[in-house]
């Protein structure tokens, strides 16, 4: 009877450690995915910042060419 109890305890400890390792792997994977997503978002934001001055310059050139006051608002 004592042999089965210790065997059961061993199995329980083994299962707990197994699931603990599994959860840690999931957490690491999730953290890595989140970090990758954040990096991608940051890169996209940086690219967008570079794009804005080009648009302003284009609008400024249109303004200078047409000299309409409405376009001046967008170039500021």
PDB file of N, CA and C in Angstrom:
ATOM      1  N   UNK A   1       0.808  -1.190   0.000  1.00  0.00           N
ATOM      2  CA  UNK A   1       0.000   0.000   0.000  1.00  0.00           C
ATOM      3  C   UNK A   1       0.858   1.264   0.000  1.00  0.00           C
ATOM      4  N   UNK A   2       1.911   1.259   0.782  1.00  0.00           N
ATOM      5  CA  UNK A   2       2.803   2.411   0.811  1.00  0.00           C
ATOM      6  C   UNK A   2       3.526   2.588  -0.519  1.00  0.00           C
ATOM      7  N   UNK A   3       3.805   1.503  -1.184  1.00  0.00           N
ATOM      8  CA  UNK A   3       4.498   1.559  -2.476  1.00  0.00           C
ATOM      9  C   UNK A   3       3.675   2.275  -3.529  1.00  0.00           C
ATOM     10  N   UNK A   4       2.377   2.049  -3.529  1.00  0.00           N
ATOM     11  CA  UNK A   4       1.516   2.698  -4.521  1.00  0.00           C
ATOM     12  C   UNK A   4       1.364   4.185  -4.242  1.00  0.00           C
ATOM     13  N   UNK A   5       1.364   4.556  -2.978  1.00  0.00           N
ATOM     14  CA  UNK A   5       1.239   5.979  -2.628  1.00  0.00           C
ATOM     15  C   UNK A   5       2.475   6.749  -3.076  1.00  0.00           C
ATOM     16  N   UNK A   6       3.653   6.193  -2.814  1.00  0.00           N
ATOM     17  CA  UNK A   6       4.876   6.895  -3.202  1.00  0.00           C
ATOM     18  C   UNK A   6       4.979   6.959  -4.727  1.00  0.00           C
ATOM     19  N   UNK A   7       4.506   5.922  -5.385  1.00  0.00           N
ATOM     20  CA  UNK A   7       4.496   5.908  -6.849  1.00  0.00           C
ATOM     21  C   UNK A   7       3.557   6.983  -7.374  1.00  0.00           C
ATOM     22  N   UNK A   8       2.427   7.109  -6.737  1.00  0.00           N
ATOM     23  CA  UNK A   8       1.437   8.111  -7.126  1.00  0.00           C
ATOM     24  C   UNK A   8       1.987   9.520  -6.905  1.00  0.00           C
ATOM     25  N   UNK A   9       2.680   9.718  -5.783  1.00  0.00           N
ATOM     26  CA  UNK A   9       3.282  11.025  -5.482  1.00  0.00           C
ATOM     27  C   UNK A   9       4.343  11.346  -6.521  1.00  0.00           C
ATOM     28  N   UNK A  10       5.158  10.353  -6.861  1.00  0.00           N
ATOM     29  CA  UNK A  10       6.194  10.548  -7.873  1.00  0.00           C
ATOM     30  C   UNK A  10       5.570  10.954  -9.206  1.00  0.00           C
ATOM     31  N   UNK A  11       4.500  10.278  -9.586  1.00  0.00           N
ATOM     32  CA  UNK A  11       3.805  10.581 -10.835  1.00  0.00           C
ATOM     33  C   UNK A  11       3.243  11.995 -10.802  1.00  0.00           C
ATOM     34  N   UNK A  12       2.655  12.374  -9.668  1.00  0.00           N
ATOM     35  CA  UNK A  12       2.100  13.723  -9.526  1.00  0.00           C
ATOM     36  C   UNK A  12       3.191  14.787  -9.656  1.00  0.00           C
ATOM     37  N   UNK A  13       4.311  14.565  -8.992  1.00  0.00           N
ATOM     38  CA  UNK A  13       5.434  15.511  -9.058  1.00  0.00           C
ATOM     39  C   UNK A  13       5.943  15.604 -10.489  1.00  0.00           C
ATOM     40  N   UNK A  14       6.047  14.468 -11.143  1.00  0.00           N
ATOM     41  CA  UNK A  14       6.508  14.438 -12.531  1.00  0.00           C
ATOM     42  C   UNK A  14       5.557  15.226 -13.432  1.00  0.00           C
ATOM     43  N   UNK A  15       4.254  14.995 -13.268  1.00  0.00           N
ATOM     44  CA  UNK A  15       3.254  15.694 -14.086  1.00  0.00           C
ATOM     45  C   UNK A  15       3.284  17.200 -13.836  1.00  0.00           C
ATOM     46  N   UNK A  16       3.432  17.578 -12.583  1.00  0.00           N
ATOM     47  CA  UNK A  16       3.492  19.005 -12.242  1.00  0.00           C
ATOM     48  C   UNK A  16       4.696  19.653 -12.916  1.00  0.00           C
ATOM     49  N   UNK A  17       5.853  19.005 -12.823  1.00  0.00           N
ATOM     50  CA  UNK A  17       7.054  19.581 -13.439  1.00  0.00           C
ATOM     51  C   UNK A  17       6.923  19.603 -14.966  1.00  0.00           C
ATOM     52  N   UNK A  18       6.292  18.575 -15.519  1.00  0.00           N
ATOM     53  CA  UNK A  18       6.084  18.518 -16.972  1.00  0.00           C
ATOM     54  C   UNK A  18       5.211  19.678 -17.435  1.00  0.00           C
ATOM     55  N   UNK A  19       4.092  19.894 -16.748  1.00  0.00           N
ATOM     56  CA  UNK A  19       3.184  20.976 -17.133  1.00  0.00           C
ATOM     57  C   UNK A  19       3.799  22.350 -16.857  1.00  0.00           C
ATOM     58  N   UNK A  20       4.619  22.422 -15.817  1.00  0.00           N
ATOM     59  CA  UNK A  20       5.312  23.671 -15.502  1.00  0.00           C
ATOM     60  C   UNK A  20       6.260  24.038 -16.648  1.00  0.00           C
ATOM     61  N   UNK A  21       7.013  23.051 -17.136  1.00  0.00           N
ATOM     62  CA  UNK A  21       7.923  23.279 -18.262  1.00  0.00           C
ATOM     63  C   UNK A  21       7.141  23.674 -19.507  1.00  0.00           C
ATOM     64  N   UNK A  22       6.030  23.009 -19.721  1.00  0.00           N
ATOM     65  CA  UNK A  22       5.190  23.290 -20.882  1.00  0.00           C
ATOM     66  C   UNK A  22       4.668  24.733 -20.830  1.00  0.00           C
ATOM     67  N   UNK A  23       4.234  25.162 -19.656  1.00  0.00           N
ATOM     68  CA  UNK A  23       3.724  26.524 -19.486  1.00  0.00           C
ATOM     69  C   UNK A  23       4.837  27.554 -19.695  1.00  0.00           C
ATOM     70  N   UNK A  24       6.036  27.243 -19.205  1.00  0.00           N
ATOM     71  CA  UNK A  24       7.170  28.150 -19.389  1.00  0.00           C
ATOM     72  C   UNK A  24       7.494  28.307 -20.873  1.00  0.00           C
ATOM     73  N   UNK A  25       7.447  27.200 -21.611  1.00  0.00           N
ATOM     74  CA  UNK A  25       7.694  27.258 -23.054  1.00  0.00           C
ATOM     75  C   UNK A  25       6.649  28.124 -23.741  1.00  0.00           C
ATOM     76  N   UNK A  26       5.384  27.965 -23.339  1.00  0.00           N
ATOM     77  CA  UNK A  26       4.306  28.771 -23.918  1.00  0.00           C
ATOM     78  C   UNK A  26       4.524  30.251 -23.624  1.00  0.00           C
ATOM     79  N   UNK A  27       4.914  30.548 -22.385  1.00  0.00           N
ATOM     80  CA  UNK A  27       5.151  31.943 -21.997  1.00  0.00           C
ATOM     81  C   UNK A  27       6.288  32.543 -22.816  1.00  0.00           C
ATOM     82  N   UNK A  28       7.371  31.775 -22.975  1.00  0.00           N
ATOM     83  CA  UNK A  28       8.512  32.255 -23.754  1.00  0.00           C
ATOM     84  C   UNK A  28       8.107  32.512 -25.197  1.00  0.00           C
ATOM     85  N   UNK A  29       7.343  31.584 -25.749  1.00  0.00           N
ATOM     86  CA  UNK A  29       6.895  31.702 -27.135  1.00  0.00           C
ATOM     87  C   UNK A  29       6.001  32.932 -27.295  1.00  0.00           C
ATOM     88  N   UNK A  30       5.094  33.123 -26.352  1.00  0.00           N
ATOM     89  CA  UNK A  30       4.174  34.257 -26.385  1.00  0.00           C
ATOM     90  C   UNK A  30       4.947  35.574 -26.258  1.00  0.00           C
ATOM     91  N   UNK A  31       5.931  35.586 -25.362  1.00  0.00           N
ATOM     92  CA  UNK A  31       6.746  36.775 -25.141  1.00  0.00           C
ATOM     93  C   UNK A  31       7.544  37.115 -26.400  1.00  0.00           C
ATOM     94  N   UNK A  32       8.089  36.079 -27.028  1.00  0.00           N
ATOM     95  CA  UNK A  32       8.871  36.264 -28.247  1.00  0.00           C
ATOM     96  C   UNK A  32       7.982  36.819 -29.363  1.00  0.00           C
ATOM     97  N   UNK A  33       6.773  36.281 -29.476  1.00  0.00           N
ATOM     98  CA  UNK A  33       5.827  36.723 -30.497  1.00  0.00           C
ATOM     99  C   UNK A  33       5.433  38.181 -30.260  1.00  0.00           C
ATOM    100  N   UNK A  34       5.204  38.527 -29.011  1.00  0.00           N
ATOM    101  CA  UNK A  34       4.824  39.891 -28.647  1.00  0.00           C
ATOM    102  C   UNK A  34       5.961  40.863 -28.973  1.00  0.00           C
ATOM    103  N   UNK A  35       7.190  40.443 -28.672  1.00  0.00           N
ATOM    104  CA  UNK A  35       8.362  41.273 -28.936  1.00  0.00           C
ATOM    105  C   UNK A  35       8.523  41.497 -30.437  1.00  0.00           C
ATOM    106  N   UNK A  36       8.311  40.443 -31.210  1.00  0.00           N
ATOM    107  CA  UNK A  36       8.421  40.522 -32.665  1.00  0.00           C
ATOM    108  C   UNK A  36       7.360  41.467 -33.227  1.00  0.00           C
ATOM    109  N   UNK A  37       6.151  41.371 -32.699  1.00  0.00           N
ATOM    110  CA  UNK A  37       5.047  42.221 -33.141  1.00  0.00           C
ATOM    111  C   UNK A  37       5.343  43.689 -32.816  1.00  0.00           C
ATOM    112  N   UNK A  38       5.892  43.925 -31.631  1.00  0.00           N
ATOM    113  CA  UNK A  38       6.231  45.285 -31.203  1.00  0.00           C
ATOM    114  C   UNK A  38       7.321  45.870 -32.105  1.00  0.00           C
ATOM    115  N   UNK A  39       8.302  45.037 -32.440  1.00  0.00           N
ATOM    116  CA  UNK A  39       9.401  45.470 -33.299  1.00  0.00           C
ATOM    117  C   UNK A  39       8.874  45.825 -34.691  1.00  0.00           C
ATOM    118  N   UNK A  40       7.959  45.005 -35.197  1.00  0.00           N
ATOM    119  CA  UNK A  40       7.368  45.233 -36.511  1.00  0.00           C
ATOM    120  C   UNK A  40       6.570  46.538 -36.517  1.00  0.00           C
ATOM    121  N   UNK A  41       5.830  46.774 -35.444  1.00  0.00           N
ATOM    122  CA  UNK A  41       5.023  47.987 -35.320  1.00  0.00           C
ATOM    123  C   UNK A  41       5.926  49.224 -35.274  1.00  0.00           C
ATOM    124  N   UNK A  42       7.032  49.111 -34.544  1.00  0.00           N
ATOM    125  CA  UNK A  42       7.985  50.211 -34.426  1.00  0.00           C
ATOM    126  C   UNK A  42       8.605  50.526 -35.784  1.00  0.00           C
ATOM    127  N   UNK A  43       8.937  49.481 -36.533  1.00  0.00           N
ATOM    128  CA  UNK A  43       9.528  49.639 -37.859  1.00  0.00           C
ATOM    129  C   UNK A  43       8.537  50.323 -38.801  1.00  0.00           C
ATOM    130  N   UNK A  44       7.273  49.926 -38.717  1.00  0.00           N
ATOM    131  CA  UNK A  44       6.226  50.501 -39.555  1.00  0.00           C
ATOM    132  C   UNK A  44       6.040  51.986 -39.227  1.00  0.00           C
ATOM    133  N   UNK A  45       6.077  52.312 -37.937  1.00  0.00           N
ATOM    134  CA  UNK A  45       5.921  53.693 -37.491  1.00  0.00           C
ATOM    135  C   UNK A  45       7.087  54.547 -37.993  1.00  0.00           C
ATOM    136  N   UNK A  46       8.290  53.988 -37.939  1.00  0.00           N
ATOM    137  CA  UNK A  46       9.487  54.694 -38.393  1.00  0.00           C
ATOM    138  C   UNK A  46       9.394  54.968 -39.893  1.00  0.00           C
ATOM    139  N   UNK A  47       8.912  53.987 -40.641  1.00  0.00           N
ATOM    140  CA  UNK A  47       8.761  54.126 -42.091  1.00  0.00           C
ATOM    141  C   UNK A  47       7.739  55.212 -42.405  1.00  0.00           C
ATOM    142  N   UNK A  48       6.667  55.248 -41.617  1.00  0.00           N
ATOM    143  CA  UNK A  48       5.607  56.233 -41.824  1.00  0.00           C
ATOM    144  C   UNK A  48       6.135  57.646 -41.565  1.00  0.00           C
ATOM    145  N   UNK A  49       6.998  57.799 -40.548  1.00  0.00           N
ATOM    146  CA  UNK A  49       7.585  59.102 -40.236  1.00  0.00           C
ATOM    147  C   UNK A  49       8.412  59.621 -41.401  1.00  0.00           C
ATOM    148  N   UNK A  50       9.141  58.730 -42.055  1.00  0.00           N
ATOM    149  CA  UNK A  50       9.960  59.128 -43.200  1.00  0.00           C
ATOM    150  C   UNK A  50       9.085  59.557 -44.364  1.00  0.00           C
ATOM    151  N   UNK A  51       7.915  58.948 -44.481  1.00  0.00           N
ATOM    152  CA  UNK A  51       7.012  59.208 -45.593  1.00  0.00           C
ATOM    153  C   UNK A  51       6.339  60.576 -45.477  1.00  0.00           C
ATOM    154  N   UNK A  52       6.072  61.051 -44.284  1.00  0.00           N
ATOM    155  CA  UNK A  52       5.347  62.305 -44.063  1.00  0.00           C
ATOM    156  C   UNK A  52       6.046  63.514 -44.688  1.00  0.00           C
ATOM    157  N   UNK A  53       7.345  63.729 -44.484  1.00  0.00           N
ATOM    158  CA  UNK A  53       7.981  64.901 -45.097  1.00  0.00           C
ATOM    159  C   UNK A  53       7.862  64.927 -46.623  1.00  0.00           C
ATOM    160  N   UNK A  54       7.879  63.783 -47.252  1.00  0.00           N
ATOM    161  CA  UNK A  54       7.726  63.738 -48.710  1.00  0.00           C
ATOM    162  C   UNK A  54       6.363  64.278 -49.115  1.00  0.00           C
ATOM    163  N   UNK A  55       5.336  63.896 -48.373  1.00  0.00           N
ATOM    164  CA  UNK A  55       3.984  64.361 -48.676  1.00  0.00           C
ATOM    165  C   UNK A  55       3.891  65.870 -48.485  1.00  0.00           C
ATOM    166  N   UNK A  56       4.485  66.381 -47.417  1.00  0.00           N
ATOM    167  CA  UNK A  56       4.443  67.820 -47.153  1.00  0.00           C
ATOM    168  C   UNK A  56       5.159  68.576 -48.258  1.00  0.00           C
ATOM    169  N   UNK A  57       6.305  68.075 -48.668  1.00  0.00           N
ATOM    170  CA  UNK A  57       7.047  68.724 -49.742  1.00  0.00           C
ATOM    171  C   UNK A  57       6.216  68.744 -51.017  1.00  0.00           C
ATOM    172  N   UNK A  58       5.568  67.640 -51.312  1.00  0.00           N
ATOM    173  CA  UNK A  58       4.731  67.558 -52.505  1.00  0.00           C
ATOM    174  C   UNK A  58       3.614  68.595 -52.443  1.00  0.00           C
ATOM    175  N   UNK A  59       2.950  68.701 -51.295  1.00  0.00           N
ATOM    176  CA  UNK A  59       1.879  69.684 -51.139  1.00  0.00           C
ATOM    177  C   UNK A  59       2.421  71.111 -51.215  1.00  0.00           C
ATOM    178  N   UNK A  60       3.609  71.321 -50.682  1.00  0.00           N
ATOM    179  CA  UNK A  60       4.212  72.655 -50.744  1.00  0.00           C
ATOM    180  C   UNK A  60       4.487  73.033 -52.195  1.00  0.00           C
ATOM    181  N   UNK A  61       4.966  72.073 -52.972  1.00  0.00           N
ATOM    182  CA  UNK A  61       5.234  72.355 -54.385  1.00  0.00           C
ATOM    183  C   UNK A  61       3.943  72.639 -55.142  1.00  0.00           C
ATOM    184  N   UNK A  62       2.886  71.914 -54.807  1.00  0.00           N
ATOM    185  CA  UNK A  62       1.584  72.171 -55.438  1.00  0.00           C
ATOM    186  C   UNK A  62       1.124  73.575 -55.074  1.00  0.00           C
ATOM    187  N   UNK A  63       1.302  73.950 -53.818  1.00  0.00           N
ATOM    188  CA  UNK A  63       0.895  75.279 -53.362  1.00  0.00           C
ATOM    189  C   UNK A  63       1.652  76.363 -54.126  1.00  0.00           C
ATOM    190  N   UNK A  64       2.949  76.181 -54.228  1.00  0.00           N
ATOM    191  CA  UNK A  64       3.751  77.181 -54.935  1.00  0.00           C
ATOM    192  C   UNK A  64       3.346  77.275 -56.400  1.00  0.00           C
ATOM    193  N   UNK A  65       2.974  76.142 -56.952  1.00  0.00           N
ATOM    194  CA  UNK A  65       2.597  76.121 -58.358  1.00  0.00           C
ATOM    195  C   UNK A  65       1.221  76.756 -58.577  1.00  0.00           C
ATOM    196  N   UNK A  66       0.250  76.409 -57.754  1.00  0.00           N
ATOM    197  CA  UNK A  66      -1.121  76.891 -57.959  1.00  0.00           C
ATOM    198  C   UNK A  66      -1.438  78.148 -57.156  1.00  0.00           C
ATOM    199  N   UNK A  67      -0.727  78.332 -56.050  1.00  0.00           N
ATOM    200  CA  UNK A  67      -0.925  79.475 -55.148  1.00  0.00           C
ATOM    201  C   UNK A  67      -2.365  79.575 -54.646  1.00  0.00           C
ATOM    202  N   UNK A  68      -2.908  78.439 -54.231  1.00  0.00           N
ATOM    203  CA  UNK A  68      -4.244  78.461 -53.626  1.00  0.00           C
ATOM    204  C   UNK A  68      -4.078  78.401 -52.111  1.00  0.00           C
ATOM    205  N   UNK A  69      -4.763  79.266 -51.366  1.00  0.00           N
ATOM    206  CA  UNK A  69      -4.587  79.308 -49.911  1.00  0.00           C
ATOM    207  C   UNK A  69      -5.039  78.035 -49.184  1.00  0.00           C
ATOM    208  N   UNK A  70      -5.906  77.236 -49.772  1.00  0.00           N
ATOM    209  CA  UNK A  70      -6.389  76.016 -49.121  1.00  0.00           C
ATOM    210  C   UNK A  70      -5.246  75.017 -48.908  1.00  0.00           C
ATOM    211  N   UNK A  71      -4.356  74.935 -49.850  1.00  0.00           N
ATOM    212  CA  UNK A  71      -3.253  73.978 -49.735  1.00  0.00           C
ATOM    213  C   UNK A  71      -2.234  74.408 -48.693  1.00  0.00           C
ATOM    214  N   UNK A  72      -2.174  75.671 -48.387  1.00  0.00           N
ATOM    215  CA  UNK A  72      -1.217  76.155 -47.405  1.00  0.00           C
ATOM    216  C   UNK A  72      -1.506  75.548 -46.023  1.00  0.00           C
ATOM    217  N   UNK A  73      -2.748  75.341 -45.714  1.00  0.00           N
ATOM    218  CA  UNK A  73      -3.143  74.756 -44.434  1.00  0.00           C
ATOM    219  C   UNK A  73      -2.546  73.355 -44.286  1.00  0.00           C
ATOM    220  N   UNK A  74      -2.571  72.568 -45.328  1.00  0.00           N
ATOM    221  CA  UNK A  74      -2.064  71.198 -45.268  1.00  0.00           C
ATOM    222  C   UNK A  74      -0.548  71.136 -45.198  1.00  0.00           C
ATOM    223  N   UNK A  75       0.141  72.142 -45.697  1.00  0.00           N
ATOM    224  CA  UNK A  75       1.600  72.103 -45.714  1.00  0.00           C
ATOM    225  C   UNK A  75       2.200  72.511 -44.380  1.00  0.00           C
ATOM    226  N   UNK A  76       1.434  73.130 -43.496  1.00  0.00           N
ATOM    227  CA  UNK A  76       1.974  73.560 -42.203  1.00  0.00           C
ATOM    228  C   UNK A  76       2.155  72.414 -41.254  1.00  0.00           C
TER     229      UNK A  76
END
